[in-house]
Protein backbone atom coordinates (compact mmCIF):
# COMPACT_ATOMS: atom_id res chain seq x y z
CA MET A 1 -7.77 12.58 -0.17
CA ILE A 2 -5.88 11.24 2.93
CA SER A 3 -8.98 9.24 3.88
CA THR A 4 -9.04 7.78 0.44
CA ILE A 5 -5.36 6.85 0.55
CA LEU A 6 -5.78 5.03 3.92
CA ARG A 7 -8.99 3.43 3.04
CA ASN A 8 -7.32 1.88 -0.17
CA LEU A 9 -4.15 0.76 1.70
CA VAL A 10 -6.29 -1.01 4.31
CA THR A 11 -8.55 -2.48 1.82
CA ASN A 12 -5.58 -3.88 -0.07
CA ALA A 13 -4.11 -5.27 3.09
CA ILE A 14 -7.42 -7.07 3.77
CA LYS A 15 -7.59 -8.21 0.22
CA TYR A 16 -4.09 -9.76 0.09
CA SER A 17 -4.27 -11.27 3.63
CA LEU A 18 -5.09 -14.82 4.40
CA LYS A 19 -8.08 -15.62 6.76
CA ASN A 20 -7.09 -14.72 10.28
CA GLY A 21 -4.31 -12.54 8.95
CA ILE A 22 -2.92 -9.61 10.89
CA ILE A 23 -3.03 -5.98 9.75
CA THR A 24 -1.35 -3.38 11.66
CA ILE A 25 -1.34 0.37 11.13
CA GLU A 26 1.45 2.30 12.81
CA VAL A 27 1.70 6.08 12.95
CA THR A 28 4.97 7.98 13.82
CA THR A 29 5.52 11.68 13.83
CA SER A 30 8.56 14.01 14.00
CA VAL A 31 8.75 17.77 14.10
CA ASP A 32 7.69 18.24 10.44
CA ARG A 33 6.54 14.81 9.11
CA ILE A 34 4.03 12.06 9.76
CA GLN A 35 4.51 8.39 8.67
CA ILE A 36 1.64 6.10 8.29
CA SER A 37 2.33 2.36 7.80
CA VAL A 38 -0.10 -0.22 6.81
CA ILE A 39 1.50 -3.75 7.46
CA ASP A 40 0.01 -7.01 6.63
CA ASN A 41 1.34 -10.67 6.92
CA GLY A 42 -0.37 -11.61 3.58
CA ILE A 43 0.81 -13.02 0.40
CA GLY A 44 3.43 -10.30 -0.24
CA ILE A 45 4.54 -8.88 -3.66
CA SER A 46 7.37 -10.22 -5.85
CA SER A 47 10.25 -7.87 -6.28
CA GLU A 48 9.58 -7.38 -9.97
CA ASN A 49 5.99 -6.29 -9.30
CA ILE A 50 7.00 -3.79 -6.38
CA ASP A 51 8.60 -1.33 -8.92
CA LYS A 52 5.59 -1.46 -11.07
CA LEU A 53 2.87 -0.74 -8.50
CA LEU A 54 3.14 2.89 -8.35
CA SER A 55 3.77 3.41 -12.13
CA ILE A 56 1.06 4.66 -14.44
CA THR A 57 2.97 3.06 -17.38
CA GLU A 58 3.01 -0.38 -16.00
CA LYS A 59 -0.06 -2.48 -15.40
CA VAL A 60 -0.14 -4.75 -12.31
CA SER A 61 -3.38 -6.38 -11.08
CA ILE A 62 -2.78 -9.49 -8.90
CA PRO A 63 -5.84 -11.47 -7.66
CA GLY A 64 -6.47 -11.29 -3.91
CA THR A 65 -6.54 -14.34 -1.56
CA GLU A 66 -10.18 -14.91 -2.37
CA ASN A 67 -9.63 -14.38 -6.04
CA GLU A 68 -10.83 -10.83 -6.00
CA HIS A 69 -9.91 -8.72 -9.00
CA GLY A 70 -8.89 -5.03 -9.30
CA THR A 71 -7.85 -2.69 -11.76
CA GLY A 72 -4.50 -1.85 -10.39
CA LEU A 73 -5.30 1.89 -10.34
CA GLY A 74 -5.92 2.29 -6.54
CA LEU A 75 -2.27 2.51 -5.63
CA ILE A 76 -1.58 4.78 -8.65
CA LEU A 77 -4.23 7.13 -7.46
CA CYS A 78 -3.06 6.95 -3.86
CA ASN A 79 0.54 7.88 -5.07
CA GLU A 80 -0.80 10.92 -6.86
CA PHE A 81 -2.85 12.01 -3.90
CA VAL A 82 0.28 11.64 -1.65
CA GLN A 83 2.41 13.59 -4.11
CA ARG A 84 -0.15 16.34 -4.31
CA HIS A 85 0.38 16.76 -0.42
CA GLY A 86 4.17 16.84 -0.85
CA GLY A 87 4.75 13.23 0.35
CA THR A 88 5.83 9.86 -0.88
CA ILE A 89 4.81 6.21 -0.65
CA THR A 90 7.27 3.50 -0.07
CA VAL A 91 6.69 -0.23 -0.26
CA GLU A 92 8.59 -3.05 1.32
CA SER A 93 7.38 -6.67 0.72
CA ILE A 94 8.74 -10.26 1.03
CA TYR A 95 6.79 -12.56 -1.21
CA GLY A 96 4.91 -15.05 0.77
CA LYS A 97 5.39 -13.05 4.06
CA GLY A 98 3.59 -9.74 3.69
CA SER A 99 3.92 -6.03 2.77
CA THR A 100 4.27 -2.67 4.32
CA PHE A 101 3.08 0.33 2.60
CA THR A 102 4.28 3.61 4.18
CA VAL A 103 2.94 7.04 3.43
CA HIS A 104 5.39 9.92 4.38
CA LEU A 105 3.79 13.30 4.50
CA PRO A 106 4.64 16.90 5.83
CA ILE A 107 2.71 18.09 8.69
């Protein structure tokens, strides 16, 4: 499940980044937690869509930078997988500047 989560987050970062964009993966640990962040300098997400991204009741599917389409279910499934491991996903984004998706999991 963790591999699926990371693969989806990295794939999304690629999908929403411009050509020659930068994607960074940062990992930090503490005594009892691990934090994995996937950071891109892509198109970003509007504030009204951030709240909808992880919700099963809201449908959000934004075309990628090469007009790729998706179902919007990848992040919802990632959120379910993370929750099954006792963790959370947080999203920070500035529209037009990029996004950071961070997975917080117990060790």
